[in-house]
Amino acid sequence: MEQILHIINEMSPYLLLGFLLAGLMHAFVPGQMYSRYLARPTFRSVFNAALLGIPLPLCSCGVIPTAMSLRREGASKGSAVSFLIATPQTGVDSIIATYSLMGLPFAVVRPIAALFTAIFGGQMVNWFDSDDNGIGHNHEHHNDECCHDDHCDCGCGHNHDGHAKTFWGKMREALDYAFVDMMADIGKWLVIGLIVAGLITVFVPDSFFHIFADNSLLSMLLVLCMAVPMYLCATGSIPIAVALMMKGLTPGAGLVMLMAGPASNIASILVINKVLGRRTLIVYLASIIIGAVGFGLAIDHLLPREWFTSALVADADCCHEETSWFTWLCTGLLAALLANALIFHRHDHHHHHEHQHQNQTAMNQNEMHFHIVGMNCNHCRMNAEKAIDSVPGVESVSVDLDSREARVTGNASMDDIRKAVESIGFEVEEGA
């Protein structure tokens, strides 16, 4: 328990800063920027996708519908795969948190490894599995009617009434996104990561990893077996990597956890196989594995080990030092924001959704409702709403994350709605 609390205290100031920067990016960077330069199956598109994805704070769940939306809007298959590989491994929040707990070398190597791995995977798709014939598959959107909610999620920089948002309106959106939506998406997995790290520290004996201490490659393969199918966000993987290294695994094995854990999971594997095809799935997984192991071996055999262990030694030495009041304040604020996002806001949002539905039903009986299978976070909800909203004939759409229920008004075809939802990796179940 003491070790977990120490990790939280070390990370909390940096996590709050990272969440804030992520919210500012969401509010002030136009969403169209992320699809404008990704259309052609070229090296430049792949490079742009990786470069644009690295700072985005998307987990391996939220990145799937985002990448599929980019694909629908014209991104090539290679750039979509590059985005899928680079984005969940990093993010401004996780880079800052990595620095706070693991030191500067890990914070520098992590985005560099994500960049090169993503470029490799995207270019492999361009060479061996591209079906774009020069440009992506453009999808027509009615952007003039893109938003039916107070918070526009399409990145157009407008309110739901079509007027440009003010600076303070964007700041409010940034804070709401950072400390409510992102907290709701990432917070649960961050807490799970901390608990897993604590369990490893307390219950796994040091002798368990001694057989892997002198075999860098074998230790990495062990970590891959745990990391590839497991759902981890980029920030939640940090305490687990730290716990594994403190038990004797090499820094390279720690990097494998930081890369492979967030970059893949069972859900992403199934969706990519369905939407982009088995050949793309093989390239995607091979790129993550080769990239993680390659950079891990480079750390273990080409760079000084103390670069990557000095921060851990310092943390171990200062575990019993008095924590500053500022750190405790940040930890308390982080705990309060997590409780608000995971408990109170989710409860209030559910009741607001029910009340809104009752009002809409009273005004408009021409409504379809159905379940969307596969959503796990607010990014999933945003992309589902955006995909449905792009279907001709849709007048309004509301998707509730808790119940996975979508309510659509208008005269749109159910088949068109189903195709739009399935194109971003989700499934539709009628009869909700």
Protein backbone atom coordinates (compact mmCIF):
# COMPACT_ATOMS: atom_id res chain seq x y z
CA MET A 1 0.00 0.00 0.00
CA GLU A 2 2.84 2.36 0.86
CA GLN A 3 4.50 1.64 -2.49
CA ILE A 4 1.28 2.38 -4.40
CA LEU A 5 0.77 5.64 -2.50
CA HIS A 6 4.35 6.67 -3.26
CA ILE A 7 3.81 6.03 -6.97
CA ILE A 8 0.57 8.04 -6.95
CA ASN A 9 2.26 10.95 -5.17
CA GLU A 10 5.10 10.91 -7.70
CA MET A 11 2.73 10.90 -10.67
CA SER A 12 -0.15 13.15 -9.55
CA PRO A 13 1.32 16.61 -10.38
CA TYR A 14 2.46 15.40 -13.80
CA LEU A 15 -0.80 13.62 -14.51
CA LEU A 16 -2.81 16.77 -13.82
CA LEU A 17 -0.52 18.76 -16.14
CA GLY A 18 -0.75 16.07 -18.82
CA PHE A 19 -4.55 15.94 -18.66
CA LEU A 20 -4.70 19.74 -18.97
CA LEU A 21 -2.41 19.78 -22.03
CA ALA A 22 -4.49 17.02 -23.62
CA GLY A 23 -7.66 19.03 -23.07
CA LEU A 24 -6.09 22.14 -24.62
CA MET A 25 -5.07 20.12 -27.67
CA HIS A 26 -8.59 18.75 -28.03
CA ALA A 27 -10.22 22.17 -27.80
CA PHE A 28 -7.80 24.28 -29.83
CA VAL A 29 -6.48 21.93 -32.56
CA PRO A 30 -9.05 21.48 -35.39
CA GLY A 31 -10.11 17.88 -35.87
CA GLN A 32 -9.85 18.16 -39.68
CA MET A 33 -6.10 18.60 -39.31
CA TYR A 34 -5.73 14.92 -38.45
CA SER A 35 -7.27 13.71 -41.72
CA ARG A 36 -6.16 16.43 -44.16
CA TYR A 37 -2.63 15.09 -44.66
CA LEU A 38 -3.27 11.34 -44.56
CA ALA A 39 -5.01 10.55 -47.84
CA ARG A 40 -2.37 9.10 -50.16
CA PRO A 41 -0.65 5.73 -49.61
CA THR A 42 2.80 7.33 -49.36
CA PHE A 43 5.59 7.53 -46.83
CA ARG A 44 4.67 11.13 -46.07
CA SER A 45 1.10 10.18 -45.11
CA VAL A 46 2.39 7.39 -42.87
CA PHE A 47 4.89 9.75 -41.25
CA ASN A 48 2.22 12.44 -40.76
CA ALA A 49 -0.15 9.92 -39.15
CA ALA A 50 2.50 8.76 -36.69
CA LEU A 51 3.60 12.31 -35.91
CA LEU A 52 0.04 13.51 -35.38
CA GLY A 53 -0.88 10.49 -33.26
CA ILE A 54 2.01 10.58 -30.78
CA PRO A 55 0.80 13.56 -28.68
CA LEU A 56 -2.87 12.54 -28.72
CA PRO A 57 -4.10 11.11 -25.39
CA LEU A 58 -6.07 8.19 -26.87
CA CYS A 59 -6.04 4.73 -25.33
CA SER A 60 -6.02 1.51 -27.37
CA CYS A 61 -9.82 1.46 -27.12
CA GLY A 62 -10.52 5.04 -28.16
CA VAL A 63 -7.97 5.04 -30.97
CA ILE A 64 -9.83 2.31 -32.91
CA PRO A 65 -12.98 4.27 -33.84
CA THR A 66 -10.88 7.42 -34.30
CA ALA A 67 -8.63 5.67 -36.80
CA MET A 68 -11.60 4.08 -38.55
CA SER A 69 -13.22 7.54 -38.81
CA LEU A 70 -10.04 8.90 -40.39
CA ARG A 71 -10.19 5.98 -42.81
CA ARG A 72 -13.78 6.82 -43.74
CA GLU A 73 -12.86 10.47 -44.25
CA GLY A 74 -10.12 9.65 -46.74
CA ALA A 75 -7.04 8.41 -44.85
CA SER A 76 -5.11 5.64 -46.60
CA LYS A 77 -4.92 2.20 -45.02
CA GLY A 78 -1.20 2.64 -44.31
CA SER A 79 -1.68 5.94 -42.50
CA ALA A 80 -4.60 4.48 -40.53
CA VAL A 81 -2.38 1.62 -39.32
CA SER A 82 0.42 4.07 -38.52
CA PHE A 83 -2.04 6.10 -36.43
CA LEU A 84 -3.31 2.93 -34.73
CA ILE A 85 0.21 1.92 -33.68
CA ALA A 86 1.63 5.30 -32.61
CA THR A 87 -1.29 6.90 -30.79
CA PRO A 88 -2.06 4.53 -27.89
CA GLN A 89 1.61 4.09 -26.98
CA THR A 90 2.07 7.73 -26.03
CA GLY A 91 0.26 11.01 -25.41
CA VAL A 92 1.27 14.21 -23.69
CA ASP A 93 -0.12 12.95 -20.40
CA SER A 94 1.73 9.63 -20.47
CA ILE A 95 5.02 11.16 -21.66
CA ILE A 96 4.97 13.58 -18.72
CA ALA A 97 3.98 10.78 -16.32
CA THR A 98 6.78 8.58 -17.70
CA TYR A 99 9.29 11.33 -16.95
CA SER A 100 7.94 11.73 -13.43
CA LEU A 101 8.26 8.05 -12.49
CA MET A 102 10.87 6.53 -14.83
CA GLY A 103 13.15 9.44 -15.72
CA LEU A 104 14.09 11.42 -18.81
CA PRO A 105 15.66 8.57 -20.89
CA PHE A 106 12.44 6.53 -20.86
CA ALA A 107 10.38 9.67 -21.58
CA VAL A 108 12.56 10.36 -24.65
CA VAL A 109 12.86 6.80 -25.96
CA ARG A 110 9.16 6.01 -25.63
CA PRO A 111 7.80 8.45 -28.29
CA ILE A 112 10.80 7.80 -30.56
CA ALA A 113 10.09 4.06 -30.46
CA ALA A 114 6.40 4.68 -31.13
CA LEU A 115 7.27 6.90 -34.12
CA PHE A 116 9.59 4.40 -35.79
CA THR A 117 7.34 1.42 -35.07
CA ALA A 118 4.32 3.21 -36.53
CA ILE A 119 6.20 4.29 -39.64
CA PHE A 120 7.44 0.73 -40.16
CA GLY A 121 3.96 -0.77 -39.79
CA GLY A 122 2.24 1.83 -41.98
CA GLN A 123 4.82 1.52 -44.73
CA MET A 124 4.56 -2.27 -44.68
CA VAL A 125 0.81 -1.90 -45.28
CA ASN A 126 1.48 0.52 -48.15
CA TRP A 127 3.76 -2.02 -49.78
CA PHE A 128 1.88 -5.25 -49.17
CA ASP A 129 -1.77 -4.51 -48.39
CA SER A 130 -2.77 -1.15 -49.89
CA ASP A 131 -6.01 -0.96 -51.86
CA ASP A 132 -6.29 2.83 -52.06
CA ASN A 133 -5.14 3.45 -55.65
CA GLY A 134 -3.71 6.84 -54.83
CA ILE A 135 -6.25 8.26 -52.42
CA GLY A 136 -8.36 7.10 -49.52
CA HIS A 137 -12.07 6.42 -49.66
CA ASN A 138 -13.62 9.82 -49.14
CA HIS A 139 -16.85 9.88 -47.27
CA GLU A 140 -19.30 12.71 -47.68
CA HIS A 141 -20.19 14.56 -44.46
CA HIS A 142 -22.75 17.25 -43.89
CA ASN A 143 -20.36 19.41 -41.88
CA ASP A 144 -22.71 22.37 -41.84
CA GLU A 145 -24.94 20.29 -39.60
CA CYS A 146 -22.14 18.46 -37.81
CA CYS A 147 -23.13 19.18 -34.25
CA HIS A 148 -26.33 18.57 -32.40
CA ASP A 149 -24.88 18.95 -28.93
CA ASP A 150 -23.47 21.72 -26.79
CA HIS A 151 -20.01 20.15 -27.10
CA CYS A 152 -18.95 19.78 -30.71
CA ASP A 153 -16.76 16.69 -31.00
CA CYS A 154 -15.94 16.93 -34.68
CA GLY A 155 -13.23 19.52 -34.21
CA CYS A 156 -14.88 22.20 -36.33
CA GLY A 157 -14.48 24.88 -33.67
CA HIS A 158 -18.17 25.80 -33.61
CA ASN A 159 -21.00 25.57 -31.13
CA HIS A 160 -24.11 23.57 -31.92
CA ASP A 161 -25.71 26.76 -33.32
CA GLY A 162 -22.98 27.14 -35.95
CA HIS A 163 -21.15 30.10 -34.37
CA ALA A 164 -17.42 30.01 -33.67
CA LYS A 165 -16.58 29.28 -30.06
CA THR A 166 -15.04 32.02 -27.95
CA PHE A 167 -11.68 31.58 -26.22
CA TRP A 168 -13.38 31.01 -22.89
CA GLY A 169 -15.81 28.59 -24.50
CA LYS A 170 -12.87 26.54 -25.76
CA MET A 171 -11.20 26.72 -22.35
CA ARG A 172 -14.37 25.37 -20.76
CA GLU A 173 -14.43 22.58 -23.34
CA ALA A 174 -10.74 21.84 -22.66
CA LEU A 175 -11.30 21.54 -18.90
CA ASP A 176 -14.44 19.44 -19.35
CA TYR A 177 -12.69 17.11 -21.78
CA ALA A 178 -9.50 16.84 -19.69
CA PHE A 179 -10.94 16.41 -16.21
CA VAL A 180 -14.27 14.73 -16.97
CA ASP A 181 -14.22 12.81 -20.26
CA MET A 182 -10.56 11.80 -20.17
CA MET A 183 -10.71 11.04 -16.47
CA ALA A 184 -13.69 8.77 -17.12
CA ASP A 185 -11.88 6.99 -19.96
CA ILE A 186 -8.37 6.66 -18.56
CA GLY A 187 -8.98 6.85 -14.82
CA LYS A 188 -10.34 3.34 -14.42
CA TRP A 189 -7.38 1.82 -16.26
CA LEU A 190 -4.91 4.00 -14.37
CA VAL A 191 -6.32 2.73 -11.08
CA ILE A 192 -6.16 -0.86 -12.35
CA GLY A 193 -2.55 -0.32 -13.40
CA LEU A 194 -1.64 0.96 -9.94
CA ILE A 195 -3.39 -1.98 -8.27
CA VAL A 196 -1.64 -4.50 -10.56
CA ALA A 197 1.70 -2.81 -9.83
CA GLY A 198 1.02 -3.08 -6.11
CA LEU A 199 0.06 -6.75 -6.39
CA ILE A 200 3.24 -7.49 -8.35
CA THR A 201 5.33 -5.66 -5.76
CA VAL A 202 3.75 -7.39 -2.78
CA PHE A 203 2.93 -10.92 -3.93
CA VAL A 204 5.43 -11.80 -6.67
CA PRO A 205 8.68 -13.00 -5.06
CA ASP A 206 11.93 -11.54 -6.34
CA SER A 207 13.17 -15.03 -7.14
CA PHE A 208 10.40 -15.51 -9.74
CA PHE A 209 12.19 -13.33 -12.29
CA HIS A 210 15.73 -14.47 -11.51
CA ILE A 211 15.61 -17.08 -14.28
CA PHE A 212 15.03 -14.24 -16.78
CA ALA A 213 17.61 -11.82 -15.36
CA ASP A 214 20.42 -12.91 -17.68
CA ASN A 215 18.24 -13.49 -20.73
CA SER A 216 16.99 -10.18 -22.08
CA LEU A 217 15.11 -11.68 -25.04
CA LEU A 218 13.34 -14.31 -22.92
CA SER A 219 12.21 -11.67 -20.41
CA MET A 220 10.78 -9.59 -23.26
CA LEU A 221 8.87 -12.55 -24.67
CA LEU A 222 7.43 -13.15 -21.19
CA VAL A 223 6.25 -9.54 -21.01
CA LEU A 224 4.81 -9.74 -24.56
CA CYS A 225 2.68 -12.73 -23.58
CA MET A 226 1.15 -10.60 -20.82
CA ALA A 227 1.01 -7.27 -22.67
CA VAL A 228 -0.40 -8.04 -26.14
CA PRO A 229 -3.84 -9.40 -25.11
CA MET A 230 -4.20 -7.16 -22.04
CA TYR A 231 -6.00 -3.80 -22.09
CA LEU A 232 -3.73 -1.04 -20.76
CA CYS A 233 -3.69 2.69 -21.31
CA ALA A 234 -0.32 4.38 -21.90
CA THR A 235 -0.35 5.93 -18.42
CA GLY A 236 -1.59 2.80 -16.64
CA SER A 237 1.29 0.76 -18.09
CA ILE A 238 3.88 2.93 -16.31
CA PRO A 239 3.51 1.60 -12.73
CA ILE A 240 3.37 -1.98 -14.04
CA ALA A 241 6.63 -1.49 -15.97
CA VAL A 242 8.21 0.04 -12.87
CA ALA A 243 7.08 -2.89 -10.70
CA LEU A 244 8.48 -5.43 -13.19
CA MET A 245 11.84 -3.65 -13.32
CA MET A 246 12.03 -3.44 -9.53
CA LYS A 247 11.53 -7.22 -9.48
CA GLY A 248 14.61 -7.68 -11.66
CA LEU A 249 13.49 -7.50 -15.29
CA THR A 250 15.66 -5.44 -17.63
CA PRO A 251 14.87 -1.86 -18.79
CA GLY A 252 14.28 -3.30 -22.25
CA ALA A 253 11.54 -5.56 -20.88
CA GLY A 254 10.05 -2.51 -19.16
CA LEU A 255 9.97 -0.70 -22.50
CA VAL A 256 8.22 -3.70 -24.08
CA MET A 257 5.45 -3.33 -21.49
CA LEU A 258 5.22 0.42 -22.20
CA MET A 259 4.92 -0.20 -25.96
CA ALA A 260 3.03 -3.47 -26.43
CA GLY A 261 0.62 -3.09 -23.50
CA PRO A 262 -1.12 0.09 -24.70
CA ALA A 263 -0.69 -0.60 -28.44
CA SER A 264 -2.74 -3.80 -28.60
CA ASN A 265 -5.44 -5.81 -26.87
CA ILE A 266 -7.97 -8.46 -27.78
CA ALA A 267 -10.61 -5.87 -28.75
CA SER A 268 -8.31 -3.99 -31.15
CA ILE A 269 -7.16 -7.28 -32.71
CA LEU A 270 -10.74 -8.35 -33.44
CA VAL A 271 -11.78 -4.96 -34.84
CA ILE A 272 -8.73 -4.56 -37.09
CA ASN A 273 -9.22 -8.08 -38.44
CA LYS A 274 -12.86 -7.31 -39.25
CA VAL A 275 -12.50 -3.79 -40.69
CA LEU A 276 -9.03 -3.72 -42.26
CA GLY A 277 -8.47 -7.41 -42.95
CA ARG A 278 -6.29 -10.26 -41.73
CA ARG A 279 -3.22 -9.21 -43.70
CA THR A 280 -3.29 -5.76 -42.13
CA LEU A 281 -3.79 -7.34 -38.69
CA ILE A 282 -0.67 -9.48 -39.18
CA VAL A 283 1.37 -6.43 -40.20
CA TYR A 284 -0.03 -4.46 -37.25
CA LEU A 285 0.89 -7.11 -34.66
CA ALA A 286 4.26 -7.88 -36.24
CA SER A 287 5.19 -4.19 -36.26
CA ILE A 288 4.35 -3.80 -32.57
CA ILE A 289 6.23 -6.95 -31.55
CA ILE A 290 9.30 -6.29 -33.73
CA GLY A 291 9.43 -2.64 -32.72
CA ALA A 292 9.04 -3.32 -28.99
CA VAL A 293 11.60 -6.14 -28.92
CA GLY A 294 14.03 -4.28 -31.21
CA PHE A 295 14.06 -1.12 -29.11
CA GLY A 296 14.14 -3.19 -25.93
CA LEU A 297 17.25 -5.04 -27.09
CA ALA A 298 18.83 -1.74 -28.10
CA ILE A 299 18.28 -0.34 -24.61
CA ASP A 300 19.66 -3.44 -22.91
CA HIS A 301 22.74 -3.90 -25.11
CA LEU A 302 23.62 -0.53 -26.68
CA LEU A 303 22.84 2.05 -23.99
CA PRO A 304 24.12 2.39 -20.41
CA ARG A 305 21.81 0.54 -18.02
CA GLU A 306 22.10 3.24 -15.34
CA TRP A 307 20.35 5.72 -17.64
CA PHE A 308 17.15 3.72 -17.22
CA THR A 309 17.52 2.54 -13.63
CA SER A 310 18.79 5.65 -11.83
CA ALA A 311 15.28 7.10 -11.47
CA LEU A 312 14.03 3.85 -9.93
CA VAL A 313 16.92 3.77 -7.47
CA ALA A 314 16.22 7.38 -6.54
CA ASP A 315 12.54 6.58 -6.01
CA ALA A 316 13.42 3.61 -3.81
CA ASP A 317 15.81 5.74 -1.74
CA CYS A 318 13.28 8.51 -1.18
CA CYS A 319 10.25 6.34 -0.45
CA HIS A 320 10.36 7.28 3.21
CA GLU A 321 11.11 10.98 2.73
CA GLU A 322 8.45 13.45 3.73
CA THR A 323 6.05 14.29 0.89
CA SER A 324 5.51 18.00 0.23
CA TRP A 325 2.16 19.67 0.81
CA PHE A 326 1.94 20.50 -2.90
CA THR A 327 2.26 16.83 -3.85
CA TRP A 328 -0.44 15.84 -1.34
CA LEU A 329 -2.64 18.63 -2.71
CA CYS A 330 -2.20 17.30 -6.28
CA THR A 331 -2.92 13.75 -5.11
CA GLY A 332 -6.09 14.87 -3.34
CA LEU A 333 -7.21 16.87 -6.37
CA LEU A 334 -6.54 13.91 -8.66
CA ALA A 335 -8.54 11.60 -6.38
CA ALA A 336 -11.46 14.07 -6.29
CA LEU A 337 -11.46 14.43 -10.08
CA LEU A 338 -11.36 10.66 -10.54
CA ALA A 339 -14.28 10.21 -8.15
CA ASN A 340 -16.25 12.92 -9.96
CA ALA A 341 -15.60 11.40 -13.40
CA LEU A 342 -16.04 7.74 -12.50
CA ILE A 343 -18.91 7.99 -10.02
CA PHE A 344 -20.81 11.26 -9.83
CA HIS A 345 -20.55 12.47 -13.44
CA ARG A 346 -21.46 9.06 -14.88
CA HIS A 347 -24.51 8.91 -12.59
CA ASP A 348 -25.59 12.47 -13.50
CA HIS A 349 -25.00 11.84 -17.20
CA HIS A 350 -27.22 8.76 -17.13
CA HIS A 351 -30.11 10.69 -15.53
CA HIS A 352 -29.61 13.60 -17.93
CA HIS A 353 -29.76 11.20 -20.85
CA GLU A 354 -33.00 9.67 -19.60
CA HIS A 355 -34.58 13.09 -19.06
CA GLN A 356 -33.45 14.26 -22.50
CA HIS A 357 -34.90 11.12 -24.07
CA GLN A 358 -38.29 11.67 -22.42
CA ASN A 359 -38.43 15.24 -23.76
CA GLN A 360 -37.39 14.19 -27.25
CA THR A 361 -39.93 11.38 -27.33
CA ALA A 362 -42.70 13.79 -26.38
CA MET A 363 -41.73 16.11 -29.25
CA ASN A 364 -40.78 13.59 -31.91
CA GLN A 365 -42.16 10.11 -32.36
CA ASN A 366 -40.05 9.47 -35.51
CA GLU A 367 -37.18 7.91 -33.54
CA MET A 368 -35.06 4.79 -33.89
CA HIS A 369 -33.17 3.27 -31.00
CA PHE A 370 -30.66 0.42 -30.95
CA HIS A 371 -27.58 -0.83 -29.13
CA ILE A 372 -24.02 -0.24 -30.34
CA VAL A 373 -21.69 -3.10 -29.43
CA GLY A 374 -18.00 -2.40 -28.84
CA MET A 375 -17.99 1.04 -27.23
CA ASN A 376 -15.82 1.39 -24.14
CA CYS A 377 -14.96 5.08 -23.74
CA ASN A 378 -16.07 8.61 -24.58
CA HIS A 379 -13.97 8.61 -27.75
CA CYS A 380 -15.97 5.60 -28.89
CA ARG A 381 -19.20 7.46 -28.15
CA MET A 382 -18.02 10.60 -29.96
CA ASN A 383 -17.02 8.66 -33.06
CA ALA A 384 -20.23 6.65 -33.08
CA GLU A 385 -22.29 9.85 -32.92
CA LYS A 386 -20.19 11.43 -35.66
CA ALA A 387 -20.53 8.38 -37.93
CA ILE A 388 -24.31 8.23 -37.49
CA ASP A 389 -24.59 12.01 -37.90
CA SER A 390 -22.89 11.74 -41.32
CA VAL A 391 -25.72 9.55 -42.69
CA PRO A 392 -28.12 11.49 -44.95
CA GLY A 393 -31.50 11.97 -43.29
CA VAL A 394 -30.28 11.98 -39.69
CA GLU A 395 -31.67 14.99 -37.83
CA SER A 396 -30.27 14.30 -34.37
CA VAL A 397 -28.34 11.55 -32.63
CA SER A 398 -27.62 10.79 -28.99
CA VAL A 399 -25.48 7.88 -27.79
CA ASP A 400 -25.34 6.89 -24.13
CA LEU A 401 -22.08 5.21 -23.16
CA ASP A 402 -23.41 3.45 -20.05
CA SER A 403 -26.29 1.68 -21.77
CA ARG A 404 -24.59 1.56 -25.22
CA GLU A 405 -27.92 2.83 -26.57
CA ALA A 406 -28.24 5.13 -29.59
CA ARG A 407 -31.32 7.21 -30.31
CA VAL A 408 -31.67 8.69 -33.78
CA THR A 409 -34.36 10.97 -35.19
CA GLY A 410 -34.97 11.61 -38.87
CA ASN A 411 -35.81 9.60 -41.95
CA ALA A 412 -32.42 7.94 -42.46
CA SER A 413 -32.20 4.34 -43.60
CA MET A 414 -31.38 1.85 -40.87
CA ASP A 415 -29.13 0.00 -43.32
CA ASP A 416 -27.12 3.19 -43.95
CA ILE A 417 -26.80 3.78 -40.21
CA ARG A 418 -25.65 0.20 -39.69
CA LYS A 419 -23.00 0.54 -42.41
CA ALA A 420 -21.73 3.81 -40.92
CA VAL A 421 -21.41 2.28 -37.45
CA GLU A 422 -19.77 -0.90 -38.74
CA SER A 423 -17.27 1.10 -40.81
CA ILE A 424 -15.63 2.36 -37.59
CA GLY A 425 -15.44 -1.08 -36.01
CA PHE A 426 -18.67 -1.31 -33.99
CA GLU A 427 -21.78 -3.44 -34.41
CA VAL A 428 -25.48 -2.58 -34.28
CA GLU A 429 -28.06 -4.60 -32.35
CA GLU A 430 -31.66 -3.59 -32.99
CA GLY A 431 -34.56 -4.04 -30.61
CA ALA A 432 -33.06 -2.02 -27.73
